[in-house]
């Protein structure tokens, strides 16, 4: 929850008057405390942790956008419709959504995204190995989903040096997209 990417992105959102609340799944906290690095648990097993955090965050009384980076965004997307229907969240923001494992485009994690009704913003690098632009544009996704593309961006939205784009510029544009989305949905 305090990776360089998330720290910087939270700062960029703060500059746009968007407060962020962060939490860490237990398996990630274990890694921080020196446990052996293992593959993440199945997504479905992380849903209760996310719901518990959402219940705590909801006590603040402010409109909430739920979401996360990579796996965190995936878990948030699995509870988004339920949270939206219960008025616990006004929208969903995913940064670097893991549409599939790298080099395994046949193992899609998108079935629920086809019928999603919660207003959603997915910020994705154009060459993200978890779902590059050319693959995602060919997918059937809900009309509730808006995509913001980081030009030549990877999973952390960083472009290649010779692309003419910068990581700083991609992150600033992504934060602007999140701020505009928050305004649109009331977050």
Foldseek 3Di string as FASTA:
>chain_A
DVDVLVVVLQVLLVVLVDHDDDDDQPLVVCVVVPDDDDPDDPLVVRLVVVVVVLVVVLVVVAAAAAAEAASRRLSCLVCQQVCCVVSSHLAYEYQLYQQDPFPCNVGGSCPSQLPDPRQYEYEHECVESSDHPVRVVPDRGHPSYDYHYLYCQYSSSAHDPVPPDGSVVSSSVVSVVVSVVCVVRVD
